[in-house]
Amino acid sequence: MENDKYNSLKTDVQEIIDLIASKNAKEANNKLVEVSELLDEMLDTSDEDEDLIEISKYQVLLNQLYQRIIALNGHV
């Protein structure tokens, strides 16, 4: 079950990267918000150190992707 969550996150993050690569900032931002909300939910319900570490890695990655989206358009 845990691996399914993280595999889904990997797929979603790859989709954001693909949208950025195709210069589709609006859709990339929408997907980023969706994934960010999912991570927030996971953070609220998780108490395992391993999960918290993995979630924080994704949060850092999403922050970096957000910066790329902003750079792509100048704003969202």
PDB file of N, CA and C in Angstrom:
ATOM      1  N   MET A   1       0.828  -1.205   0.000  1.00  0.00           N
ATOM      2  CA  MET A   1       0.000   0.000   0.000  1.00  0.00           C
ATOM      3  C   MET A   1       0.861   1.252   0.000  1.00  0.00           C
ATOM      4  N   GLU A   2       1.874   1.288   0.844  1.00  0.00           N
ATOM      5  CA  GLU A   2       2.754   2.447   0.913  1.00  0.00           C
ATOM      6  C   GLU A   2       3.438   2.702  -0.419  1.00  0.00           C
ATOM      7  N   ASN A   3       3.913   1.634  -1.051  1.00  0.00           N
ATOM      8  CA  ASN A   3       4.581   1.796  -2.332  1.00  0.00           C
ATOM      9  C   ASN A   3       3.635   2.347  -3.379  1.00  0.00           C
ATOM     10  N   ASP A   4       2.362   1.974  -3.305  1.00  0.00           N
ATOM     11  CA  ASP A   4       1.372   2.484  -4.251  1.00  0.00           C
ATOM     12  C   ASP A   4       1.238   3.998  -4.128  1.00  0.00           C
ATOM     13  N   LYS A   5       1.244   4.496  -2.883  1.00  0.00           N
ATOM     14  CA  LYS A   5       1.151   5.940  -2.660  1.00  0.00           C
ATOM     15  C   LYS A   5       2.325   6.657  -3.302  1.00  0.00           C
ATOM     16  N   TYR A   6       3.510   6.129  -3.067  1.00  0.00           N
ATOM     17  CA  TYR A   6       4.701   6.793  -3.577  1.00  0.00           C
ATOM     18  C   TYR A   6       4.853   6.606  -5.085  1.00  0.00           C
ATOM     19  N   ASN A   7       4.406   5.483  -5.613  1.00  0.00           N
ATOM     20  CA  ASN A   7       4.422   5.304  -7.069  1.00  0.00           C
ATOM     21  C   ASN A   7       3.469   6.290  -7.731  1.00  0.00           C
ATOM     22  N   SER A   8       2.334   6.509  -7.121  1.00  0.00           N
ATOM     23  CA  SER A   8       1.377   7.480  -7.638  1.00  0.00           C
ATOM     24  C   SER A   8       1.975   8.892  -7.588  1.00  0.00           C
ATOM     25  N   LEU A   9       2.655   9.204  -6.494  1.00  0.00           N
ATOM     26  CA  LEU A   9       3.307  10.510  -6.382  1.00  0.00           C
ATOM     27  C   LEU A   9       4.374  10.687  -7.457  1.00  0.00           C
ATOM     28  N   LYS A  10       5.157   9.645  -7.682  1.00  0.00           N
ATOM     29  CA  LYS A  10       6.195   9.715  -8.722  1.00  0.00           C
ATOM     30  C   LYS A  10       5.578   9.989 -10.084  1.00  0.00           C
ATOM     31  N   THR A  11       4.478   9.315 -10.375  1.00  0.00           N
ATOM     32  CA  THR A  11       3.782   9.518 -11.645  1.00  0.00           C
ATOM     33  C   THR A  11       3.262  10.946 -11.756  1.00  0.00           C
ATOM     34  N   ASP A  12       2.671  11.452 -10.679  1.00  0.00           N
ATOM     35  CA  ASP A  12       2.137  12.810 -10.679  1.00  0.00           C
ATOM     36  C   ASP A  12       3.243  13.849 -10.847  1.00  0.00           C
ATOM     37  N   VAL A  13       4.362  13.645 -10.161  1.00  0.00           N
ATOM     38  CA  VAL A  13       5.492  14.569 -10.277  1.00  0.00           C
ATOM     39  C   VAL A  13       6.051  14.538 -11.699  1.00  0.00           C
ATOM     40  N   GLN A  14       6.126  13.359 -12.291  1.00  0.00           N
ATOM     41  CA  GLN A  14       6.602  13.265 -13.669  1.00  0.00           C
ATOM     42  C   GLN A  14       5.668  14.003 -14.615  1.00  0.00           C
ATOM     43  N   GLU A  15       4.378  13.932 -14.342  1.00  0.00           N
ATOM     44  CA  GLU A  15       3.410  14.659 -15.162  1.00  0.00           C
ATOM     45  C   GLU A  15       3.649  16.169 -15.067  1.00  0.00           C
ATOM     46  N   ILE A  16       3.929  16.655 -13.865  1.00  0.00           N
ATOM     47  CA  ILE A  16       4.240  18.078 -13.683  1.00  0.00           C
ATOM     48  C   ILE A  16       5.488  18.447 -14.483  1.00  0.00           C
ATOM     49  N   ILE A  17       6.515  17.616 -14.404  1.00  0.00           N
ATOM     50  CA  ILE A  17       7.757  17.867 -15.142  1.00  0.00           C
ATOM     51  C   ILE A  17       7.481  17.899 -16.640  1.00  0.00           C
ATOM     52  N   ASP A  18       6.683  16.967 -17.118  1.00  0.00           N
ATOM     53  CA  ASP A  18       6.343  16.929 -18.544  1.00  0.00           C
ATOM     54  C   ASP A  18       5.578  18.178 -18.972  1.00  0.00           C
ATOM     55  N   LEU A  19       4.670  18.648 -18.110  1.00  0.00           N
ATOM     56  CA  LEU A  19       3.914  19.861 -18.425  1.00  0.00           C
ATOM     57  C   LEU A  19       4.827  21.085 -18.462  1.00  0.00           C
ATOM     58  N   ILE A  20       5.789  21.127 -17.558  1.00  0.00           N
ATOM     59  CA  ILE A  20       6.756  22.225 -17.570  1.00  0.00           C
ATOM     60  C   ILE A  20       7.583  22.167 -18.847  1.00  0.00           C
ATOM     61  N   ALA A  21       8.012  20.974 -19.222  1.00  0.00           N
ATOM     62  CA  ALA A  21       8.822  20.801 -20.432  1.00  0.00           C
ATOM     63  C   ALA A  21       8.058  21.234 -21.681  1.00  0.00           C
ATOM     64  N   SER A  22       6.744  21.026 -21.677  1.00  0.00           N
ATOM     65  CA  SER A  22       5.936  21.442 -22.823  1.00  0.00           C
ATOM     66  C   SER A  22       5.455  22.884 -22.686  1.00  0.00           C
ATOM     67  N   LYS A  23       5.986  23.591 -21.664  1.00  0.00           N
ATOM     68  CA  LYS A  23       5.691  25.011 -21.426  1.00  0.00           C
ATOM     69  C   LYS A  23       4.213  25.270 -21.150  1.00  0.00           C
ATOM     70  N   ASN A  24       3.578  24.337 -20.496  1.00  0.00           N
ATOM     71  CA  ASN A  24       2.180  24.473 -20.115  1.00  0.00           C
ATOM     72  C   ASN A  24       2.123  24.813 -18.617  1.00  0.00           C
ATOM     73  N   ALA A  25       2.439  26.063 -18.301  1.00  0.00           N
ATOM     74  CA  ALA A  25       2.570  26.495 -16.906  1.00  0.00           C
ATOM     75  C   ALA A  25       1.263  26.385 -16.130  1.00  0.00           C
ATOM     76  N   LYS A  26       0.157  26.721 -16.762  1.00  0.00           N
ATOM     77  CA  LYS A  26      -1.125  26.701 -16.053  1.00  0.00           C
ATOM     78  C   LYS A  26      -1.496  25.287 -15.614  1.00  0.00           C
ATOM     79  N   GLU A  27      -1.410  24.329 -16.524  1.00  0.00           N
ATOM     80  CA  GLU A  27      -1.732  22.944 -16.178  1.00  0.00           C
ATOM     81  C   GLU A  27      -0.722  22.371 -15.181  1.00  0.00           C
ATOM     82  N   ALA A  28       0.545  22.736 -15.349  1.00  0.00           N
ATOM     83  CA  ALA A  28       1.580  22.273 -14.417  1.00  0.00           C
ATOM     84  C   ALA A  28       1.285  22.787 -13.015  1.00  0.00           C
ATOM     85  N   ASN A  29       0.886  24.046 -12.915  1.00  0.00           N
ATOM     86  CA  ASN A  29       0.565  24.609 -11.609  1.00  0.00           C
ATOM     87  C   ASN A  29      -0.662  23.942 -11.007  1.00  0.00           C
ATOM     88  N   ASN A  30      -1.674  23.685 -11.825  1.00  0.00           N
ATOM     89  CA  ASN A  30      -2.878  23.010 -11.324  1.00  0.00           C
ATOM     90  C   ASN A  30      -2.536  21.629 -10.768  1.00  0.00           C
ATOM     91  N   LYS A  31      -1.720  20.891 -11.497  1.00  0.00           N
ATOM     92  CA  LYS A  31      -1.318  19.552 -11.049  1.00  0.00           C
ATOM     93  C   LYS A  31      -0.468  19.650  -9.789  1.00  0.00           C
ATOM     94  N   LEU A  32       0.406  20.653  -9.727  1.00  0.00           N
ATOM     95  CA  LEU A  32       1.256  20.840  -8.556  1.00  0.00           C
ATOM     96  C   LEU A  32       0.407  21.106  -7.310  1.00  0.00           C
ATOM     97  N   VAL A  33      -0.617  21.915  -7.444  1.00  0.00           N
ATOM     98  CA  VAL A  33      -1.511  22.205  -6.318  1.00  0.00           C
ATOM     99  C   VAL A  33      -2.206  20.923  -5.858  1.00  0.00           C
ATOM    100  N   GLU A  34      -2.653  20.130  -6.814  1.00  0.00           N
ATOM    101  CA  GLU A  34      -3.322  18.863  -6.500  1.00  0.00           C
ATOM    102  C   GLU A  34      -2.386  17.930  -5.717  1.00  0.00           C
ATOM    103  N   VAL A  35      -1.156  17.793  -6.195  1.00  0.00           N
ATOM    104  CA  VAL A  35      -0.185  16.916  -5.539  1.00  0.00           C
ATOM    105  C   VAL A  35       0.204  17.476  -4.172  1.00  0.00           C
ATOM    106  N   SER A  36       0.327  18.785  -4.084  1.00  0.00           N
ATOM    107  CA  SER A  36       0.673  19.424  -2.812  1.00  0.00           C
ATOM    108  C   SER A  36      -0.407  19.161  -1.762  1.00  0.00           C
ATOM    109  N   GLU A  37      -1.656  19.221  -2.158  1.00  0.00           N
ATOM    110  CA  GLU A  37      -2.749  18.937  -1.232  1.00  0.00           C
ATOM    111  C   GLU A  37      -2.714  17.477  -0.778  1.00  0.00           C
ATOM    112  N   LEU A  38      -2.397  16.585  -1.697  1.00  0.00           N
ATOM    113  CA  LEU A  38      -2.263  15.172  -1.352  1.00  0.00           C
ATOM    114  C   LEU A  38      -1.138  14.967  -0.334  1.00  0.00           C
ATOM    115  N   LEU A  39      -0.011  15.635  -0.559  1.00  0.00           N
ATOM    116  CA  LEU A  39       1.103  15.534   0.379  1.00  0.00           C
ATOM    117  C   LEU A  39       0.723  16.073   1.756  1.00  0.00           C
ATOM    118  N   ASP A  40      -0.019  17.167   1.789  1.00  0.00           N
ATOM    119  CA  ASP A  40      -0.476  17.719   3.067  1.00  0.00           C
ATOM    120  C   ASP A  40      -1.348  16.722   3.823  1.00  0.00           C
ATOM    121  N   GLU A  41      -2.227  16.048   3.100  1.00  0.00           N
ATOM    122  CA  GLU A  41      -3.072  15.027   3.721  1.00  0.00           C
ATOM    123  C   GLU A  41      -2.226  13.880   4.262  1.00  0.00           C
ATOM    124  N   MET A  42      -1.247  13.457   3.460  1.00  0.00           N
ATOM    125  CA  MET A  42      -0.368  12.370   3.897  1.00  0.00           C
ATOM    126  C   MET A  42       0.418  12.789   5.134  1.00  0.00           C
ATOM    127  N   LEU A  43       0.858  14.023   5.157  1.00  0.00           N
ATOM    128  CA  LEU A  43       1.620  14.534   6.297  1.00  0.00           C
ATOM    129  C   LEU A  43       0.768  14.551   7.558  1.00  0.00           C
ATOM    130  N   ASP A  44      -0.493  14.937   7.413  1.00  0.00           N
ATOM    131  CA  ASP A  44      -1.406  14.999   8.551  1.00  0.00           C
ATOM    132  C   ASP A  44      -1.715  13.625   9.130  1.00  0.00           C
ATOM    133  N   THR A  45      -1.701  12.602   8.287  1.00  0.00           N
ATOM    134  CA  THR A  45      -2.113  11.274   8.757  1.00  0.00           C
ATOM    135  C   THR A  45      -0.945  10.336   9.031  1.00  0.00           C
ATOM    136  N   SER A  46       0.262  10.776   8.781  1.00  0.00           N
ATOM    137  CA  SER A  46       1.414   9.899   8.942  1.00  0.00           C
ATOM    138  C   SER A  46       2.146  10.183  10.241  1.00  0.00           C
ATOM    139  N   ASP A  47       2.626   9.111  10.870  1.00  0.00           N
ATOM    140  CA  ASP A  47       3.422   9.291  12.076  1.00  0.00           C
ATOM    141  C   ASP A  47       4.725   8.487  12.027  1.00  0.00           C
ATOM    142  N   GLU A  48       4.951   7.816  10.933  1.00  0.00           N
ATOM    143  CA  GLU A  48       6.188   7.059  10.747  1.00  0.00           C
ATOM    144  C   GLU A  48       7.286   8.003  10.267  1.00  0.00           C
ATOM    145  N   ASP A  49       8.472   7.894  10.873  1.00  0.00           N
ATOM    146  CA  ASP A  49       9.587   8.744  10.479  1.00  0.00           C
ATOM    147  C   ASP A  49       9.945   8.574   9.007  1.00  0.00           C
ATOM    148  N   GLU A  50       9.920   7.342   8.527  1.00  0.00           N
ATOM    149  CA  GLU A  50      10.255   7.079   7.122  1.00  0.00           C
ATOM    150  C   GLU A  50       9.304   7.810   6.187  1.00  0.00           C
ATOM    151  N   ASP A  51       8.018   7.778   6.519  1.00  0.00           N
ATOM    152  CA  ASP A  51       7.024   8.467   5.691  1.00  0.00           C
ATOM    153  C   ASP A  51       7.235   9.972   5.734  1.00  0.00           C
ATOM    154  N   LEU A  52       7.503  10.505   6.918  1.00  0.00           N
ATOM    155  CA  LEU A  52       7.704  11.943   7.050  1.00  0.00           C
ATOM    156  C   LEU A  52       8.916  12.413   6.259  1.00  0.00           C
ATOM    157  N   ILE A  53       9.961  11.616   6.255  1.00  0.00           N
ATOM    158  CA  ILE A  53      11.158  11.942   5.478  1.00  0.00           C
ATOM    159  C   ILE A  53      10.836  11.924   3.989  1.00  0.00           C
ATOM    160  N   GLU A  54      10.142  10.908   3.543  1.00  0.00           N
ATOM    161  CA  GLU A  54       9.797  10.787   2.118  1.00  0.00           C
ATOM    162  C   GLU A  54       8.873  11.934   1.686  1.00  0.00           C
ATOM    163  N   ILE A  55       7.910  12.260   2.510  1.00  0.00           N
ATOM    164  CA  ILE A  55       6.993  13.350   2.212  1.00  0.00           C
ATOM    165  C   ILE A  55       7.754  14.669   2.121  1.00  0.00           C
ATOM    166  N   SER A  56       8.692  14.887   3.028  1.00  0.00           N
ATOM    167  CA  SER A  56       9.450  16.143   2.998  1.00  0.00           C
ATOM    168  C   SER A  56      10.294  16.244   1.733  1.00  0.00           C
ATOM    169  N   LYS A  57      10.801  15.125   1.240  1.00  0.00           N
ATOM    170  CA  LYS A  57      11.556  15.132  -0.021  1.00  0.00           C
ATOM    171  C   LYS A  57      10.656  15.595  -1.171  1.00  0.00           C
ATOM    172  N   TYR A  58       9.444  15.091  -1.194  1.00  0.00           N
ATOM    173  CA  TYR A  58       8.509  15.493  -2.244  1.00  0.00           C
ATOM    174  C   TYR A  58       8.127  16.966  -2.107  1.00  0.00           C
ATOM    175  N   GLN A  59       7.995  17.447  -0.881  1.00  0.00           N
ATOM    176  CA  GLN A  59       7.664  18.856  -0.682  1.00  0.00           C
ATOM    177  C   GLN A  59       8.772  19.756  -1.210  1.00  0.00           C
ATOM    178  N   VAL A  60      10.008  19.381  -0.974  1.00  0.00           N
ATOM    179  CA  VAL A  60      11.142  20.154  -1.491  1.00  0.00           C
ATOM    180  C   VAL A  60      11.134  20.124  -3.018  1.00  0.00           C
ATOM    181  N   LEU A  61      10.896  18.961  -3.583  1.00  0.00           N
ATOM    182  CA  LEU A  61      10.844  18.823  -5.042  1.00  0.00           C
ATOM    183  C   LEU A  61       9.726  19.681  -5.629  1.00  0.00           C
ATOM    184  N   LEU A  62       8.550  19.657  -5.011  1.00  0.00           N
ATOM    185  CA  LEU A  62       7.439  20.464  -5.509  1.00  0.00           C
ATOM    186  C   LEU A  62       7.770  21.954  -5.430  1.00  0.00           C
ATOM    187  N   ASN A  63       8.470  22.355  -4.396  1.00  0.00           N
ATOM    188  CA  ASN A  63       8.877  23.751  -4.276  1.00  0.00           C
ATOM    189  C   ASN A  63       9.791  24.143  -5.433  1.00  0.00           C
ATOM    190  N   GLN A  64      10.726  23.278  -5.772  1.00  0.00           N
ATOM    191  CA  GLN A  64      11.625  23.530  -6.895  1.00  0.00           C
ATOM    192  C   GLN A  64      10.850  23.583  -8.215  1.00  0.00           C
ATOM    193  N   LEU A  65       9.904  22.683  -8.378  1.00  0.00           N
ATOM    194  CA  LEU A  65       9.095  22.678  -9.600  1.00  0.00           C
ATOM    195  C   LEU A  65       8.246  23.942  -9.690  1.00  0.00           C
ATOM    196  N   TYR A  66       7.755  24.407  -8.556  1.00  0.00           N
ATOM    197  CA  TYR A  66       6.981  25.639  -8.544  1.00  0.00           C
ATOM    198  C   TYR A  66       7.843  26.811  -9.016  1.00  0.00           C
ATOM    199  N   GLN A  67       9.089  26.831  -8.569  1.00  0.00           N
ATOM    200  CA  GLN A  67      10.003  27.886  -9.010  1.00  0.00           C
ATOM    201  C   GLN A  67      10.203  27.831 -10.521  1.00  0.00           C
ATOM    202  N   ARG A  68      10.263  26.639 -11.072  1.00  0.00           N
ATOM    203  CA  ARG A  68      10.399  26.479 -12.526  1.00  0.00           C
ATOM    204  C   ARG A  68       9.147  26.989 -13.244  1.00  0.00           C
ATOM    205  N   ILE A  69       7.998  26.708 -12.684  1.00  0.00           N
ATOM    206  CA  ILE A  69       6.738  27.172 -13.287  1.00  0.00           C
ATOM    207  C   ILE A  69       6.709  28.695 -13.302  1.00  0.00           C
ATOM    208  N   ILE A  70       7.100  29.300 -12.183  1.00  0.00           N
ATOM    209  CA  ILE A  70       7.133  30.754 -12.097  1.00  0.00           C
ATOM    210  C   ILE A  70       8.103  31.320 -13.126  1.00  0.00           C
ATOM    211  N   ALA A  71       9.268  30.713 -13.253  1.00  0.00           N
ATOM    212  CA  ALA A  71      10.269  31.168 -14.212  1.00  0.00           C
ATOM    213  C   ALA A  71       9.768  31.008 -15.652  1.00  0.00           C
ATOM    214  N   LEU A  72       8.950  30.006 -15.856  1.00  0.00           N
ATOM    215  CA  LEU A  72       8.432  29.742 -17.202  1.00  0.00           C
ATOM    216  C   LEU A  72       7.531  30.866 -17.693  1.00  0.00           C
ATOM    217  N   ASN A  73       6.716  31.368 -16.802  1.00  0.00           N
ATOM    218  CA  ASN A  73       5.715  32.349 -17.195  1.00  0.00           C
ATOM    219  C   ASN A  73       5.952  33.735 -16.602  1.00  0.00           C
ATOM    220  N   GLY A  74       6.748  33.817 -15.596  1.00  0.00           N
ATOM    221  CA  GLY A  74       6.884  35.081 -14.890  1.00  0.00           C
ATOM    222  C   GLY A  74       5.845  35.201 -13.783  1.00  0.00           C
ATOM    223  N   HIS A  75       4.763  34.503 -13.942  1.00  0.00           N
ATOM    224  CA  HIS A  75       3.702  34.404 -12.935  1.00  0.00           C
ATOM    225  C   HIS A  75       2.758  33.279 -13.363  1.00  0.00           C
ATOM    226  N   VAL A  76       1.850  32.926 -12.470  1.00  0.00           N
ATOM    227  CA  VAL A  76       0.889  31.868 -12.794  1.00  0.00           C
ATOM    228  C   VAL A  76      -0.500  32.446 -12.780  1.00  0.00           C
TER     229      VAL A  76
END
